[in-house]
Protein backbone atom coordinates (compact mmCIF):
# COMPACT_ATOMS: atom_id res chain seq x y z
CA MET A 1 152.64 381.08 313.86
CA ALA A 2 155.79 379.88 311.32
CA GLU A 3 155.22 376.72 309.65
CA ILE A 4 157.18 373.71 310.27
CA ILE A 5 159.53 372.41 306.93
CA ASN A 6 161.66 369.26 307.36
CA PHE A 7 165.00 370.94 305.77
CA ASN A 8 165.95 367.51 304.55
CA LYS A 9 162.83 366.92 302.04
CA ALA A 10 162.88 370.38 300.92
CA ARG A 11 166.75 370.34 300.62
CA LYS A 12 165.91 367.29 297.79
CA ALA A 13 162.79 369.50 296.46
CA ARG A 14 164.90 371.97 295.41
CA ALA A 15 167.38 369.82 293.98
CA LYS A 16 164.75 368.07 292.13
CA ALA A 17 163.79 371.39 290.71
CA GLU A 18 167.22 371.93 289.59
CA LYS A 19 167.32 368.66 288.04
CA PRO A 20 165.93 369.48 284.15
CA ILE A 21 167.61 373.26 284.18
CA ARG A 22 170.65 370.95 284.48
CA ALA A 23 170.45 368.82 282.14
CA GLN A 24 169.26 371.24 279.72
CA GLU A 25 172.71 373.04 280.59
CA ASN A 26 174.27 369.80 279.84
CA ARG A 27 173.04 369.06 276.23
CA ALA A 28 173.21 372.16 274.77
CA ARG A 29 177.41 372.30 276.27
CA PHE A 30 177.77 368.66 275.54
CA GLY A 31 175.00 367.22 272.75
CA ARG A 32 177.13 367.63 270.13
CA THR A 33 178.16 365.30 267.16
CA LYS A 34 180.80 364.60 265.72
CA ALA A 35 180.89 366.51 262.83
CA GLU A 36 179.96 369.39 264.86
CA LYS A 37 182.74 369.25 267.05
CA GLN A 38 184.79 368.87 264.17
CA ALA A 39 183.65 371.69 262.53
CA GLU A 40 183.47 374.19 265.14
CA ALA A 41 187.16 373.17 265.60
CA ALA A 42 187.79 374.00 261.92
CA GLU A 43 185.85 377.23 262.15
CA LYS A 44 188.25 378.09 265.41
CA ALA A 45 190.88 377.38 263.59
CA ARG A 46 190.15 378.56 260.31
CA ILE A 47 189.75 382.36 262.42
CA ALA A 48 192.77 381.73 264.15
CA LYS A 49 195.07 381.24 261.06
CA ALA A 50 193.69 384.82 259.47
CA LEU A 51 194.51 386.56 262.49
CA ASP A 52 197.85 385.79 262.68
CA ASP A 53 198.25 386.09 258.37
CA ALA A 54 196.62 389.16 259.25
CA ARG A 55 199.26 390.04 261.60
CA ARG A 56 201.81 393.21 262.16
CA ASP A 57 205.51 392.73 263.53
């Protein structure tokens, strides 16, 4: 005979298990300092300018 499970408890347990994974993703995505964000934006702008300058019309 199959084991009886409570779907509400299973749903909450799954959400609790996924929470640290989601937190790690958010730390990687949003957990940067203002200086790091500005440095990355400056690097992207420099690369874009280099590509535009090298483009032949």
